[in-house]
Amino acid sequence: MNLSSIPSIPPTVILREVDGVTTLVNLVDGACFTLDEIGGRVWQLLEDGHAIEATCRQLATEYAAPIDEIQADVVAFIGDLQDKGFVSAA
C-alpha cells in the first residue's frame, strides 16, 4: 500500500474493547491483534474510510509530530495489519 491507498477492513474483522484494552479479532482464523492508543486512533480513521495520507496528516496534527515520521510508522503499521489479514488494499 502507498499513501494514497484506502485500506479496506474485511467484514470478518471486529474490534473489541475489554477493560481498556482494544483488540482486533479476525473471525476467520481467530487471530488477535492488540492496539495501543495510537493504533486505536489509526483504526478509527481507517474505519471512517480515510486514505493513509489523510490518516497521517490527522495524526501529525493531533500528536504534533513530524509528518515524515508519522508516515513511516503508519505505513509500517498498516503493512503489518495487512500481512496478518486485518486489512486489505481497497
Protein backbone atom coordinates (compact mmCIF):
# COMPACT_ATOMS: atom_id res chain seq x y z
CA MET A 1 0.00 0.00 0.00
CA ASN A 2 1.05 3.57 -0.53
CA LEU A 3 -0.03 6.90 0.94
CA SER A 4 -2.97 7.27 -1.45
CA SER A 5 -4.33 3.81 -0.59
CA ILE A 6 -7.58 3.47 1.33
CA PRO A 7 -7.28 0.25 3.33
CA SER A 8 -10.37 -1.92 3.46
CA ILE A 9 -11.44 -3.67 6.65
CA PRO A 10 -12.87 -7.12 5.94
CA PRO A 11 -16.30 -7.79 7.48
CA THR A 12 -14.73 -10.74 9.31
CA VAL A 13 -12.55 -8.41 11.42
CA ILE A 14 -14.11 -6.94 14.53
CA LEU A 15 -12.85 -4.65 17.25
CA ARG A 16 -13.41 -5.42 20.92
CA GLU A 17 -12.61 -3.30 23.95
CA VAL A 18 -12.36 -5.06 27.30
CA ASP A 19 -11.04 -3.41 30.46
CA GLY A 20 -9.44 -0.60 28.44
CA VAL A 21 -7.66 -2.98 26.05
CA THR A 22 -8.54 -2.65 22.36
CA THR A 23 -8.16 -5.83 20.33
CA LEU A 24 -8.85 -6.70 16.70
CA VAL A 25 -10.21 -10.19 16.13
CA ASN A 26 -10.27 -11.98 12.79
CA LEU A 27 -13.32 -14.24 12.93
CA VAL A 28 -11.98 -16.46 10.12
CA ASP A 29 -8.82 -17.70 11.81
CA GLY A 30 -9.22 -16.40 15.37
CA ALA A 31 -6.14 -14.20 15.11
CA CYS A 32 -5.99 -11.27 17.54
CA PHE A 33 -4.06 -8.00 17.40
CA THR A 34 -3.91 -5.66 20.41
CA LEU A 35 -3.83 -1.94 19.67
CA ASP A 36 -2.21 0.78 21.73
CA GLU A 37 -3.72 4.27 21.92
CA ILE A 38 -2.26 5.47 18.63
CA GLY A 39 -3.02 2.17 16.89
CA GLY A 40 -6.61 2.54 18.05
CA ARG A 41 -6.75 6.05 16.63
CA VAL A 42 -5.35 4.83 13.30
CA TRP A 43 -8.03 2.12 13.27
CA GLN A 44 -10.78 4.70 13.90
CA LEU A 45 -9.58 6.78 10.96
CA LEU A 46 -9.43 3.70 8.73
CA GLU A 47 -12.95 2.73 9.77
CA ASP A 48 -14.06 6.21 8.69
CA GLY A 49 -12.63 5.50 5.22
CA HIS A 50 -9.60 7.77 5.35
CA ALA A 51 -6.72 7.22 2.94
CA ILE A 52 -3.36 6.54 4.56
CA GLU A 53 -2.14 10.04 3.68
CA ALA A 54 -5.16 11.71 5.31
CA THR A 55 -4.74 9.48 8.35
CA CYS A 56 -1.12 10.58 8.65
CA ARG A 57 -1.98 14.27 8.34
CA GLN A 58 -4.63 13.92 11.04
CA LEU A 59 -2.26 12.12 13.40
CA ALA A 60 0.52 14.65 12.78
CA THR A 61 -1.90 17.40 13.80
CA GLU A 62 -3.28 15.55 16.83
CA TYR A 63 0.11 14.48 18.18
CA ALA A 64 2.18 17.47 16.96
CA ALA A 65 4.67 15.09 15.37
CA PRO A 66 6.69 15.34 12.14
CA ILE A 67 4.67 14.08 9.17
CA ASP A 68 7.55 12.03 7.74
CA GLU A 69 7.89 10.05 10.99
CA ILE A 70 4.13 9.55 11.19
CA GLN A 71 4.00 8.36 7.57
CA ALA A 72 6.79 5.83 8.09
CA ASP A 73 5.18 4.47 11.25
CA VAL A 74 1.64 4.34 9.85
CA VAL A 75 2.68 2.67 6.57
CA ALA A 76 4.63 0.05 8.55
CA PHE A 77 1.71 -0.48 10.97
CA ILE A 78 -0.85 -0.86 8.18
CA GLY A 79 1.53 -3.16 6.31
CA ASP A 80 1.70 -5.34 9.43
CA LEU A 81 -2.10 -5.35 9.69
CA GLN A 82 -2.33 -6.32 6.01
CA ASP A 83 0.22 -9.13 6.38
CA LYS A 84 -1.86 -10.53 9.25
CA GLY A 85 -5.18 -10.26 7.37
CA PHE A 86 -6.76 -7.43 9.36
CA VAL A 87 -6.92 -5.01 6.40
CA SER A 88 -6.64 -5.31 2.64
CA ALA A 89 -5.91 -2.94 -0.21
CA ALA A 90 -9.12 -1.35 -1.49
